[in-house]
Amino acid sequence: MTTPEWLKPGIYGALLGAAFVGIVGFSWGGWVTGSSAEKMASEMAEDSVIAALVPFCLDMSRTDNERIAKLVTIREASSFKRRDAVMETGWATMPGSDGPNRDLAQACIEGLDLDAS
């Protein structure tokens, strides 16, 4: 099939325009693919769950009979080992889960206010 000569500039313009719109849309327009949107939604949901569970972690720490000793252990741990220390206390383990949650332990550290004396 032969394309009329007068139609070729329109076809080229449409193809270049579509490529330009796609590049601009994904670069600066905020467009995302379905998998990227799903990943962002999953991360937001996980962050919300962790934020909702922090009060339970803090309550578990307040009601623990060995609270003072465990807080001393956590305070004495280096800053990058504190999360592991909180995980060992059991405060970052929610009922029904297999083990402690690292993100919850980190959020619980921030809520414990370990730097206050």
PDB file of N, CA and C in Angstrom:
ATOM      1  N   MET A   1       0.833  -1.164   0.000  1.00  0.00           N
ATOM      2  CA  MET A   1       0.000   0.000   0.000  1.00  0.00           C
ATOM      3  C   MET A   1       0.891   1.245   0.000  1.00  0.00           C
ATOM      4  N   THR A   2       0.561   2.156  -0.810  1.00  0.00           N
ATOM      5  CA  THR A   2       1.316   3.409  -0.866  1.00  0.00           C
ATOM      6  C   THR A   2       0.545   4.487  -0.125  1.00  0.00           C
ATOM      7  N   THR A   3       1.284   5.266   0.626  1.00  0.00           N
ATOM      8  CA  THR A   3       0.686   6.343   1.405  1.00  0.00           C
ATOM      9  C   THR A   3       0.824   7.631   0.608  1.00  0.00           C
ATOM     10  N   PRO A   4      -0.243   8.410   0.535  1.00  0.00           N
ATOM     11  CA  PRO A   4      -0.128   9.683  -0.179  1.00  0.00           C
ATOM     12  C   PRO A   4       0.942  10.565   0.456  1.00  0.00           C
ATOM     13  N   GLU A   5       1.643  11.292  -0.363  1.00  0.00           N
ATOM     14  CA  GLU A   5       2.743  12.134   0.094  1.00  0.00           C
ATOM     15  C   GLU A   5       2.302  13.175   1.109  1.00  0.00           C
ATOM     16  N   TRP A   6       1.115  13.695   0.995  1.00  0.00           N
ATOM     17  CA  TRP A   6       0.630  14.735   1.905  1.00  0.00           C
ATOM     18  C   TRP A   6       0.297  14.191   3.284  1.00  0.00           C
ATOM     19  N   LEU A   7       0.145  12.858   3.428  1.00  0.00           N
ATOM     20  CA  LEU A   7      -0.222  12.244   4.708  1.00  0.00           C
ATOM     21  C   LEU A   7       1.004  11.897   5.564  1.00  0.00           C
ATOM     22  N   LYS A   8       2.163  11.743   4.957  1.00  0.00           N
ATOM     23  CA  LYS A   8       3.370  11.336   5.693  1.00  0.00           C
ATOM     24  C   LYS A   8       3.754  12.299   6.816  1.00  0.00           C
ATOM     25  N   PRO A   9       3.770  13.613   6.621  1.00  0.00           N
ATOM     26  CA  PRO A   9       4.113  14.503   7.737  1.00  0.00           C
ATOM     27  C   PRO A   9       3.149  14.353   8.919  1.00  0.00           C
ATOM     28  N   GLY A  10       1.872  14.111   8.653  1.00  0.00           N
ATOM     29  CA  GLY A  10       0.896  13.917   9.731  1.00  0.00           C
ATOM     30  C   GLY A  10       1.167  12.647  10.517  1.00  0.00           C
ATOM     31  N   ILE A  11       1.533  11.584   9.827  1.00  0.00           N
ATOM     32  CA  ILE A  11       1.836  10.305  10.489  1.00  0.00           C
ATOM     33  C   ILE A  11       3.100  10.448  11.346  1.00  0.00           C
ATOM     34  N   TYR A  12       4.142  11.065  10.771  1.00  0.00           N
ATOM     35  CA  TYR A  12       5.375  11.272  11.529  1.00  0.00           C
ATOM     36  C   TYR A  12       5.124  12.165  12.748  1.00  0.00           C
ATOM     37  N   GLY A  13       4.339  13.205  12.560  1.00  0.00           N
ATOM     38  CA  GLY A  13       4.020  14.102  13.666  1.00  0.00           C
ATOM     39  C   GLY A  13       3.255  13.394  14.765  1.00  0.00           C
ATOM     40  N   ALA A  14       2.313  12.525  14.400  1.00  0.00           N
ATOM     41  CA  ALA A  14       1.539  11.780  15.394  1.00  0.00           C
ATOM     42  C   ALA A  14       2.436  10.820  16.176  1.00  0.00           C
ATOM     43  N   LEU A  15       3.343  10.144  15.473  1.00  0.00           N
ATOM     44  CA  LEU A  15       4.251   9.211  16.150  1.00  0.00           C
ATOM     45  C   LEU A  15       5.209   9.947  17.088  1.00  0.00           C
ATOM     46  N   LEU A  16       5.789  11.037  16.632  1.00  0.00           N
ATOM     47  CA  LEU A  16       6.695  11.804  17.478  1.00  0.00           C
ATOM     48  C   LEU A  16       5.931  12.439  18.645  1.00  0.00           C
ATOM     49  N   GLY A  17       4.729  12.914  18.404  1.00  0.00           N
ATOM     50  CA  GLY A  17       3.914  13.497  19.468  1.00  0.00           C
ATOM     51  C   GLY A  17       3.560  12.472  20.531  1.00  0.00           C
ATOM     52  N   ALA A  18       3.213  11.256  20.102  1.00  0.00           N
ATOM     53  CA  ALA A  18       2.880  10.195  21.055  1.00  0.00           C
ATOM     54  C   ALA A  18       4.092   9.834  21.906  1.00  0.00           C
ATOM     55  N   ALA A  19       5.264   9.746  21.277  1.00  0.00           N
ATOM     56  CA  ALA A  19       6.487   9.437  22.029  1.00  0.00           C
ATOM     57  C   ALA A  19       6.796  10.566  23.011  1.00  0.00           C
ATOM     58  N   PHE A  20       6.658  11.800  22.577  1.00  0.00           N
ATOM     59  CA  PHE A  20       6.920  12.954  23.441  1.00  0.00           C
ATOM     60  C   PHE A  20       5.969  12.972  24.632  1.00  0.00           C
ATOM     61  N   VAL A  21       4.690  12.759  24.394  1.00  0.00           N
ATOM     62  CA  VAL A  21       3.698  12.754  25.478  1.00  0.00           C
ATOM     63  C   VAL A  21       4.001  11.629  26.468  1.00  0.00           C
ATOM     64  N   GLY A  22       4.376  10.467  25.962  1.00  0.00           N
ATOM     65  CA  GLY A  22       4.719   9.346  26.841  1.00  0.00           C
ATOM     66  C   GLY A  22       5.926   9.644  27.707  1.00  0.00           C
ATOM     67  N   ILE A  23       6.965  10.199  27.102  1.00  0.00           N
ATOM     68  CA  ILE A  23       8.181  10.520  27.854  1.00  0.00           C
ATOM     69  C   ILE A  23       7.900  11.584  28.899  1.00  0.00           C
ATOM     70  N   VAL A  24       7.224  12.641  28.506  1.00  0.00           N
ATOM     71  CA  VAL A  24       6.914  13.721  29.448  1.00  0.00           C
ATOM     72  C   VAL A  24       5.978  13.216  30.544  1.00  0.00           C
ATOM     73  N   GLY A  25       5.000  12.426  30.194  1.00  0.00           N
ATOM     74  CA  GLY A  25       4.040  11.922  31.177  1.00  0.00           C
ATOM     75  C   GLY A  25       4.686  11.056  32.244  1.00  0.00           C
ATOM     76  N   PHE A  26       5.572  10.150  31.840  1.00  0.00           N
ATOM     77  CA  PHE A  26       6.219   9.267  32.809  1.00  0.00           C
ATOM     78  C   PHE A  26       7.351   9.960  33.553  1.00  0.00           C
ATOM     79  N   SER A  27       7.990  10.951  32.917  1.00  0.00           N
ATOM     80  CA  SER A  27       9.104  11.648  33.575  1.00  0.00           C
ATOM     81  C   SER A  27       8.618  12.712  34.548  1.00  0.00           C
ATOM     82  N   TRP A  28       7.750  13.605  34.068  1.00  0.00           N
ATOM     83  CA  TRP A  28       7.350  14.752  34.886  1.00  0.00           C
ATOM     84  C   TRP A  28       5.867  14.768  35.217  1.00  0.00           C
ATOM     85  N   GLY A  29       5.080  13.997  34.522  1.00  0.00           N
ATOM     86  CA  GLY A  29       3.629  14.053  34.697  1.00  0.00           C
ATOM     87  C   GLY A  29       3.095  13.215  35.845  1.00  0.00           C
ATOM     88  N   GLY A  30       3.940  12.395  36.447  1.00  0.00           N
ATOM     89  CA  GLY A  30       3.488  11.586  37.568  1.00  0.00           C
ATOM     90  C   GLY A  30       2.826  10.278  37.160  1.00  0.00           C
ATOM     91  N   TRP A  31       2.887   9.922  35.891  1.00  0.00           N
ATOM     92  CA  TRP A  31       2.310   8.665  35.459  1.00  0.00           C
ATOM     93  C   TRP A  31       3.147   7.517  35.996  1.00  0.00           C
ATOM     94  N   VAL A  32       2.521   6.415  36.363  1.00  0.00           N
ATOM     95  CA  VAL A  32       3.237   5.216  36.808  1.00  0.00           C
ATOM     96  C   VAL A  32       2.588   3.998  36.176  1.00  0.00           C
ATOM     97  N   THR A  33       3.344   2.935  36.129  1.00  0.00           N
ATOM     98  CA  THR A  33       2.798   1.682  35.620  1.00  0.00           C
ATOM     99  C   THR A  33       1.971   1.012  36.709  1.00  0.00           C
ATOM    100  N   GLY A  34       1.215   0.039  36.342  1.00  0.00           N
ATOM    101  CA  GLY A  34       0.380  -0.679  37.315  1.00  0.00           C
ATOM    102  C   GLY A  34       1.204  -1.335  38.404  1.00  0.00           C
ATOM    103  N   SER A  35       2.341  -1.915  38.053  1.00  0.00           N
ATOM    104  CA  SER A  35       3.172  -2.582  39.061  1.00  0.00           C
ATOM    105  C   SER A  35       3.779  -1.571  40.024  1.00  0.00           C
ATOM    106  N   SER A  36       4.148  -0.388  39.526  1.00  0.00           N
ATOM    107  CA  SER A  36       4.684   0.645  40.417  1.00  0.00           C
ATOM    108  C   SER A  36       3.610   1.141  41.373  1.00  0.00           C
ATOM    109  N   ALA A  37       2.408   1.321  40.869  1.00  0.00           N
ATOM    110  CA  ALA A  37       1.303   1.772  41.719  1.00  0.00           C
ATOM    111  C   ALA A  37       0.989   0.726  42.785  1.00  0.00           C
ATOM    112  N   GLU A  38       1.021  -0.531  42.397  1.00  0.00           N
ATOM    113  CA  GLU A  38       0.755  -1.614  43.352  1.00  0.00           C
ATOM    114  C   GLU A  38       1.834  -1.662  44.433  1.00  0.00           C
ATOM    115  N   LYS A  39       3.085  -1.468  44.039  1.00  0.00           N
ATOM    116  CA  LYS A  39       4.188  -1.466  45.000  1.00  0.00           C
ATOM    117  C   LYS A  39       4.051  -0.298  45.978  1.00  0.00           C
ATOM    118  N   MET A  40       3.713   0.885  45.466  1.00  0.00           N
ATOM    119  CA  MET A  40       3.547   2.052  46.338  1.00  0.00           C
ATOM    120  C   MET A  40       2.382   1.844  47.302  1.00  0.00           C
ATOM    121  N   ALA A  41       1.287   1.269  46.812  1.00  0.00           N
ATOM    122  CA  ALA A  41       0.130   1.024  47.673  1.00  0.00           C
ATOM    123  C   ALA A  41       0.464   0.009  48.763  1.00  0.00           C
ATOM    124  N   SER A  42       1.222  -1.011  48.413  1.00  0.00           N
ATOM    125  CA  SER A  42       1.620  -2.024  49.385  1.00  0.00           C
ATOM    126  C   SER A  42       2.510  -1.413  50.470  1.00  0.00           C
ATOM    127  N   GLU A  43       3.455  -0.564  50.067  1.00  0.00           N
ATOM    128  CA  GLU A  43       4.336   0.084  51.043  1.00  0.00           C
ATOM    129  C   GLU A  43       3.540   1.019  51.961  1.00  0.00           C
ATOM    130  N   MET A  44       2.583   1.747  51.400  1.00  0.00           N
ATOM    131  CA  MET A  44       1.771   2.647  52.213  1.00  0.00           C
ATOM    132  C   MET A  44       0.922   1.859  53.207  1.00  0.00           C
ATOM    133  N   ALA A  45       0.375   0.732  52.769  1.00  0.00           N
ATOM    134  CA  ALA A  45      -0.434  -0.093  53.660  1.00  0.00           C
ATOM    135  C   ALA A  45       0.419  -0.664  54.788  1.00  0.00           C
ATOM    136  N   GLU A  46       1.622  -1.111  54.458  1.00  0.00           N
ATOM    137  CA  GLU A  46       2.511  -1.664  55.484  1.00  0.00           C
ATOM    138  C   GLU A  46       2.903  -0.586  56.494  1.00  0.00           C
ATOM    139  N   ASP A  47       3.196   0.610  56.005  1.00  0.00           N
ATOM    140  CA  ASP A  47       3.535   1.712  56.910  1.00  0.00           C
ATOM    141  C   ASP A  47       2.366   2.046  57.830  1.00  0.00           C
ATOM    142  N   SER A  48       1.154   1.996  57.294  1.00  0.00           N
ATOM    143  CA  SER A  48      -0.027   2.292  58.108  1.00  0.00           C
ATOM    144  C   SER A  48      -0.249   1.227  59.176  1.00  0.00           C
ATOM    145  N   VAL A  49      -0.016  -0.027  58.821  1.00  0.00           N
ATOM    146  CA  VAL A  49      -0.168  -1.114  59.797  1.00  0.00           C
ATOM    147  C   VAL A  49       0.864  -0.969  60.911  1.00  0.00           C
ATOM    148  N   ILE A  50       2.101  -0.659  60.550  1.00  0.00           N
ATOM    149  CA  ILE A  50       3.152  -0.468  61.556  1.00  0.00           C
ATOM    150  C   ILE A  50       2.778   0.686  62.480  1.00  0.00           C
ATOM    151  N   ALA A  51       2.311   1.787  61.900  1.00  0.00           N
ATOM    152  CA  ALA A  51       1.916   2.942  62.720  1.00  0.00           C
ATOM    153  C   ALA A  51       0.771   2.582  63.660  1.00  0.00           C
ATOM    154  N   ALA A  52      -0.142   1.725  63.204  1.00  0.00           N
ATOM    155  CA  ALA A  52      -1.254   1.321  64.054  1.00  0.00           C
ATOM    156  C   ALA A  52      -0.819   0.373  65.163  1.00  0.00           C
ATOM    157  N   LEU A  53       0.269  -0.376  64.952  1.00  0.00           N
ATOM    158  CA  LEU A  53       0.729  -1.345  65.941  1.00  0.00           C
ATOM    159  C   LEU A  53       1.701  -0.769  66.972  1.00  0.00           C
ATOM    160  N   VAL A  54       2.250   0.399  66.722  1.00  0.00           N
ATOM    161  CA  VAL A  54       3.191   1.005  67.667  1.00  0.00           C
ATOM    162  C   VAL A  54       2.582   1.155  69.068  1.00  0.00           C
ATOM    163  N   PRO A  55       1.322   1.609  69.207  1.00  0.00           N
ATOM    164  CA  PRO A  55       0.767   1.704  70.564  1.00  0.00           C
ATOM    165  C   PRO A  55       0.727   0.359  71.292  1.00  0.00           C
ATOM    166  N   PHE A  56       0.506  -0.733  70.578  1.00  0.00           N
ATOM    167  CA  PHE A  56       0.521  -2.053  71.210  1.00  0.00           C
ATOM    168  C   PHE A  56       1.923  -2.396  71.695  1.00  0.00           C
ATOM    169  N   CYS A  57       2.930  -2.071  70.899  1.00  0.00           N
ATOM    170  CA  CYS A  57       4.316  -2.321  71.307  1.00  0.00           C
ATOM    171  C   CYS A  57       4.650  -1.514  72.560  1.00  0.00           C
ATOM    172  N   LEU A  58       4.276  -0.251  72.559  1.00  0.00           N
ATOM    173  CA  LEU A  58       4.557   0.600  73.714  1.00  0.00           C
ATOM    174  C   LEU A  58       3.788   0.137  74.943  1.00  0.00           C
ATOM    175  N   ASP A  59       2.564  -0.344  74.751  1.00  0.00           N
ATOM    176  CA  ASP A  59       1.785  -0.863  75.876  1.00  0.00           C
ATOM    177  C   ASP A  59       2.417  -2.136  76.427  1.00  0.00           C
ATOM    178  N   MET A  60       2.903  -2.994  75.535  1.00  0.00           N
ATOM    179  CA  MET A  60       3.573  -4.214  75.989  1.00  0.00           C
ATOM    180  C   MET A  60       4.816  -3.857  76.797  1.00  0.00           C
ATOM    181  N   SER A  61       5.519  -2.791  76.393  1.00  0.00           N
ATOM    182  CA  SER A  61       6.709  -2.400  77.142  1.00  0.00           C
ATOM    183  C   SER A  61       6.332  -1.817  78.505  1.00  0.00           C
ATOM    184  N   ARG A  62       5.218  -1.093  78.580  1.00  0.00           N
ATOM    185  CA  ARG A  62       4.793  -0.501  79.859  1.00  0.00           C
ATOM    186  C   ARG A  62       4.327  -1.559  80.855  1.00  0.00           C
ATOM    187  N   THR A  63       3.731  -2.637  80.363  1.00  0.00           N
ATOM    188  CA  THR A  63       3.180  -3.654  81.256  1.00  0.00           C
ATOM    189  C   THR A  63       4.144  -4.806  81.524  1.00  0.00           C
ATOM    190  N   ASP A  64       5.325  -4.768  80.938  1.00  0.00           N
ATOM    191  CA  ASP A  64       6.312  -5.832  81.129  1.00  0.00           C
ATOM    192  C   ASP A  64       6.915  -5.716  82.532  1.00  0.00           C
ATOM    193  N   ASN A  65       6.937  -6.839  83.255  1.00  0.00           N
ATOM    194  CA  ASN A  65       7.500  -6.865  84.613  1.00  0.00           C
ATOM    195  C   ASN A  65       9.004  -6.606  84.624  1.00  0.00           C
ATOM    196  N   GLU A  66       9.678  -6.929  83.533  1.00  0.00           N
ATOM    197  CA  GLU A  66      11.128  -6.753  83.445  1.00  0.00           C
ATOM    198  C   GLU A  66      11.477  -5.509  82.625  1.00  0.00           C
ATOM    199  N   ARG A  67      10.587  -4.551  82.583  1.00  0.00           N
ATOM    200  CA  ARG A  67      10.744  -3.348  81.763  1.00  0.00           C
ATOM    201  C   ARG A  67      12.060  -2.622  82.010  1.00  0.00           C
ATOM    202  N   ILE A  68      12.396  -2.373  83.259  1.00  0.00           N
ATOM    203  CA  ILE A  68      13.587  -1.579  83.587  1.00  0.00           C
ATOM    204  C   ILE A  68      14.845  -2.269  83.074  1.00  0.00           C
ATOM    205  N   ALA A  69      14.968  -3.554  83.308  1.00  0.00           N
ATOM    206  CA  ALA A  69      16.160  -4.287  82.870  1.00  0.00           C
ATOM    207  C   ALA A  69      16.247  -4.309  81.344  1.00  0.00           C
ATOM    208  N   LYS A  70      15.112  -4.497  80.688  1.00  0.00           N
ATOM    209  CA  LYS A  70      15.113  -4.537  79.228  1.00  0.00           C
ATOM    210  C   LYS A  70      15.436  -3.167  78.641  1.00  0.00           C
ATOM    211  N   LEU A  71      14.926  -2.106  79.250  1.00  0.00           N
ATOM    212  CA  LEU A  71      15.243  -0.759  78.771  1.00  0.00           C
ATOM    213  C   LEU A  71      16.729  -0.452  78.939  1.00  0.00           C
ATOM    214  N   VAL A  72      17.311  -0.912  80.038  1.00  0.00           N
ATOM    215  CA  VAL A  72      18.750  -0.711  80.243  1.00  0.00           C
ATOM    216  C   VAL A  72      19.531  -1.434  79.150  1.00  0.00           C
ATOM    217  N   THR A  73      19.119  -2.656  78.852  1.00  0.00           N
ATOM    218  CA  THR A  73      19.781  -3.434  77.793  1.00  0.00           C
ATOM    219  C   THR A  73      19.673  -2.714  76.455  1.00  0.00           C
ATOM    220  N   ILE A  74      18.492  -2.187  76.170  1.00  0.00           N
ATOM    221  CA  ILE A  74      18.286  -1.485  74.895  1.00  0.00           C
ATOM    222  C   ILE A  74      19.120  -0.212  74.849  1.00  0.00           C
ATOM    223  N   ARG A  75      19.148   0.536  75.928  1.00  0.00           N
ATOM    224  CA  ARG A  75      19.935   1.782  75.976  1.00  0.00           C
ATOM    225  C   ARG A  75      21.429   1.509  75.821  1.00  0.00           C
ATOM    226  N   GLU A  76      21.902   0.409  76.410  1.00  0.00           N
ATOM    227  CA  GLU A  76      23.322   0.086  76.345  1.00  0.00           C
ATOM    228  C   GLU A  76      23.746  -0.432  74.977  1.00  0.00           C
ATOM    229  N   ALA A  77      22.784  -0.907  74.198  1.00  0.00           N
ATOM    230  CA  ALA A  77      23.106  -1.415  72.861  1.00  0.00           C
ATOM    231  C   ALA A  77      23.497  -0.244  71.960  1.00  0.00           C
ATOM    232  N   SER A  78      24.404  -0.525  71.030  1.00  0.00           N
ATOM    233  CA  SER A  78      24.779   0.529  70.079  1.00  0.00           C
ATOM    234  C   SER A  78      23.555   0.869  69.233  1.00  0.00           C
ATOM    235  N   SER A  79      23.573   2.037  68.636  1.00  0.00           N
ATOM    236  CA  SER A  79      22.381   2.535  67.941  1.00  0.00           C
ATOM    237  C   SER A  79      21.903   1.583  66.843  1.00  0.00           C
ATOM    238  N   PHE A  80      22.816   0.905  66.167  1.00  0.00           N
ATOM    239  CA  PHE A  80      22.382  -0.001  65.105  1.00  0.00           C
ATOM    240  C   PHE A  80      21.996  -1.384  65.627  1.00  0.00           C
ATOM    241  N   LYS A  81      22.203  -1.656  66.897  1.00  0.00           N
ATOM    242  CA  LYS A  81      21.794  -2.929  67.501  1.00  0.00           C
ATOM    243  C   LYS A  81      20.530  -2.791  68.351  1.00  0.00           C
ATOM    244  N   ARG A  82      20.034  -1.571  68.512  1.00  0.00           N
ATOM    245  CA  ARG A  82      18.854  -1.369  69.364  1.00  0.00           C
ATOM    246  C   ARG A  82      17.626  -2.081  68.804  1.00  0.00           C
ATOM    247  N   ARG A  83      17.482  -2.077  67.491  1.00  0.00           N
ATOM    248  CA  ARG A  83      16.323  -2.755  66.911  1.00  0.00           C
ATOM    249  C   ARG A  83      16.343  -4.234  67.270  1.00  0.00           C
ATOM    250  N   ASP A  84      17.502  -4.857  67.179  1.00  0.00           N
ATOM    251  CA  ASP A  84      17.614  -6.274  67.550  1.00  0.00           C
ATOM    252  C   ASP A  84      17.308  -6.474  69.035  1.00  0.00           C
ATOM    253  N   ALA A  85      17.742  -5.528  69.862  1.00  0.00           N
ATOM    254  CA  ALA A  85      17.468  -5.631  71.302  1.00  0.00           C
ATOM    255  C   ALA A  85      15.974  -5.537  71.579  1.00  0.00           C
ATOM    256  N   VAL A  86      15.279  -4.660  70.882  1.00  0.00           N
ATOM    257  CA  VAL A  86      13.820  -4.554  71.060  1.00  0.00           C
ATOM    258  C   VAL A  86      13.143  -5.825  70.566  1.00  0.00           C
ATOM    259  N   MET A  87      13.640  -6.383  69.491  1.00  0.00           N
ATOM    260  CA  MET A  87      13.065  -7.623  68.978  1.00  0.00           C
ATOM    261  C   MET A  87      13.243  -8.755  69.983  1.00  0.00           C
ATOM    262  N   GLU A  88      14.359  -8.785  70.686  1.00  0.00           N
ATOM    263  CA  GLU A  88      14.615  -9.828  71.680  1.00  0.00           C
ATOM    264  C   GLU A  88      13.710  -9.694  72.904  1.00  0.00           C
ATOM    265  N   THR A  89      13.246  -8.478  73.199  1.00  0.00           N
ATOM    266  CA  THR A  89      12.362  -8.292  74.350  1.00  0.00           C
ATOM    267  C   THR A  89      10.994  -8.912  74.120  1.00  0.00           C
ATOM    268  N   GLY A  90      10.613  -9.082  72.847  1.00  0.00           N
ATOM    269  CA  GLY A  90       9.296  -9.619  72.528  1.00  0.00           C
ATOM    270  C   GLY A  90       8.247  -8.540  72.337  1.00  0.00           C
ATOM    271  N   TRP A  91       8.620  -7.300  72.506  1.00  0.00           N
ATOM    272  CA  TRP A  91       7.658  -6.205  72.387  1.00  0.00           C
ATOM    273  C   TRP A  91       7.238  -5.971  70.938  1.00  0.00           C
ATOM    274  N   ALA A  92       8.061  -6.378  69.986  1.00  0.00           N
ATOM    275  CA  ALA A  92       7.749  -6.182  68.569  1.00  0.00           C
ATOM    276  C   ALA A  92       7.119  -7.420  67.948  1.00  0.00           C
ATOM    277  N   THR A  93       6.708  -8.375  68.778  1.00  0.00           N
ATOM    278  CA  THR A  93       6.044  -9.580  68.290  1.00  0.00           C
ATOM    279  C   THR A  93       4.557  -9.479  68.602  1.00  0.00           C
ATOM    280  N   MET A  94       3.756  -9.453  67.575  1.00  0.00           N
ATOM    281  CA  MET A  94       2.317  -9.343  67.761  1.00  0.00           C
ATOM    282  C   MET A  94       1.704 -10.734  67.921  1.00  0.00           C
ATOM    283  N   PRO A  95       0.656 -10.848  68.715  1.00  0.00           N
ATOM    284  CA  PRO A  95       0.004 -12.150  68.887  1.00  0.00           C
ATOM    285  C   PRO A  95      -0.431 -12.709  67.534  1.00  0.00           C
ATOM    286  N   GLY A  96      -0.136 -13.976  67.342  1.00  0.00           N
ATOM    287  CA  GLY A  96      -0.500 -14.631  66.095  1.00  0.00           C
ATOM    288  C   GLY A  96       0.583 -14.583  65.034  1.00  0.00           C
ATOM    289  N   SER A  97       1.651 -13.830  65.282  1.00  0.00           N
ATOM    290  CA  SER A  97       2.736 -13.770  64.300  1.00  0.00           C
ATOM    291  C   SER A  97       3.824 -14.767  64.678  1.00  0.00           C
ATOM    292  N   ASP A  98       4.631 -15.118  63.692  1.00  0.00           N
ATOM    293  CA  ASP A  98       5.689 -16.105  63.910  1.00  0.00           C
ATOM    294  C   ASP A  98       6.881 -15.534  64.657  1.00  0.00           C
ATOM    295  N   GLY A  99       7.130 -14.252  64.476  1.00  0.00           N
ATOM    296  CA  GLY A  99       8.296 -13.656  65.111  1.00  0.00           C
ATOM    297  C   GLY A  99       8.174 -12.147  65.136  1.00  0.00           C
ATOM    298  N   PRO A 100       9.200 -11.492  65.651  1.00  0.00           N
ATOM    299  CA  PRO A 100       9.159 -10.031  65.745  1.00  0.00           C
ATOM    300  C   PRO A 100       9.251  -9.380  64.373  1.00  0.00           C
ATOM    301  N   ASN A 101       8.692  -8.191  64.289  1.00  0.00           N
ATOM    302  CA  ASN A 101       8.700  -7.423  63.056  1.00  0.00           C
ATOM    303  C   ASN A 101       9.763  -6.340  63.172  1.00  0.00           C
ATOM    304  N   ARG A 102      10.713  -6.316  62.240  1.00  0.00           N
ATOM    305  CA  ARG A 102      11.830  -5.363  62.287  1.00  0.00           C
ATOM    306  C   ARG A 102      11.357  -3.919  62.195  1.00  0.00           C
ATOM    307  N   ASP A 103      10.400  -3.664  61.299  1.00  0.00           N
ATOM    308  CA  ASP A 103       9.907  -2.295  61.135  1.00  0.00           C
ATOM    309  C   ASP A 103       9.168  -1.827  62.384  1.00  0.00           C
ATOM    310  N   LEU A 104       8.412  -2.736  62.985  1.00  0.00           N
ATOM    311  CA  LEU A 104       7.706  -2.393  64.212  1.00  0.00           C
ATOM    312  C   LEU A 104       8.697  -2.129  65.348  1.00  0.00           C
ATOM    313  N   ALA A 105       9.760  -2.907  65.400  1.00  0.00           N
ATOM    314  CA  ALA A 105      10.783  -2.693  66.434  1.00  0.00           C
ATOM    315  C   ALA A 105      11.417  -1.319  66.277  1.00  0.00           C
ATOM    316  N   GLN A 106      11.704  -0.917  65.039  1.00  0.00           N
ATOM    317  CA  GLN A 106      12.299   0.398  64.807  1.00  0.00           C
ATOM    318  C   GLN A 106      11.333   1.511  65.208  1.00  0.00           C
ATOM    319  N   ALA A 107      10.066   1.362  64.862  1.00  0.00           N
ATOM    320  CA  ALA A 107       9.066   2.367  65.226  1.00  0.00           C
ATOM    321  C   ALA A 107       8.870   2.403  66.741  1.00  0.00           C
ATOM    322  N   CYS A 108       8.961   1.253  67.376  1.00  0.00           N
ATOM    323  CA  CYS A 108       8.802   1.188  68.833  1.00  0.00           C
ATOM    324  C   CYS A 108       9.976   1.886  69.521  1.00  0.00           C
ATOM    325  N   ILE A 109      11.169   1.785  68.975  1.00  0.00           N
ATOM    326  CA  ILE A 109      12.336   2.467  69.542  1.00  0.00           C
ATOM    327  C   ILE A 109      12.074   3.973  69.561  1.00  0.00           C
ATOM    328  N   GLU A 110      11.546   4.482  68.472  1.00  0.00           N
ATOM    329  CA  GLU A 110      11.266   5.919  68.386  1.00  0.00           C
ATOM    330  C   GLU A 110      10.196   6.330  69.406  1.00  0.00           C
ATOM    331  N   GLY A 111       9.266   5.440  69.682  1.00  0.00           N
ATOM    332  CA  GLY A 111       8.215   5.737  70.646  1.00  0.00           C
ATOM    333  C   GLY A 111       8.651   5.570  72.089  1.00  0.00           C
ATOM    334  N   LEU A 112       9.696   4.779  72.323  1.00  0.00           N
ATOM    335  CA  LEU A 112      10.162   4.551  73.696  1.00  0.00           C
ATOM    336  C   LEU A 112      10.913   5.759  74.249  1.00  0.00           C
ATOM    337  N   ASP A 113      11.403   6.622  73.417  1.00  0.00           N
ATOM    338  CA  ASP A 113      12.137   7.814  73.848  1.00  0.00           C
ATOM    339  C   ASP A 113      13.285   7.399  74.772  1.00  0.00           C
ATOM    340  N   LEU A 114      14.218   6.625  74.218  1.00  0.00           N
ATOM    341  CA  LEU A 114      15.327   6.065  74.990  1.00  0.00           C
ATOM    342  C   LEU A 114      16.350   7.105  75.418  1.00  0.00           C
ATOM    343  N   ASP A 115      16.379   8.237  74.777  1.00  0.00           N
ATOM    344  CA  ASP A 115      17.377   9.247  75.106  1.00  0.00           C
ATOM    345  C   ASP A 115      16.985  10.046  76.333  1.00  0.00           C
ATOM    346  N   ALA A 116      15.700  10.005  76.706  1.00  0.00           N
ATOM    347  CA  ALA A 116      15.255  10.737  77.903  1.00  0.00           C
ATOM    348  C   ALA A 116      15.705   9.986  79.141  1.00  0.00           C
ATOM    349  N   SER A 117      16.120  10.697  80.125  1.00  0.00           N
ATOM    350  CA  SER A 117      16.583  10.036  81.350  1.00  0.00           C
ATOM    351  C   SER A 117      15.572  10.122  82.439  1.00  0.00           C
TER     352      SER A 117
END
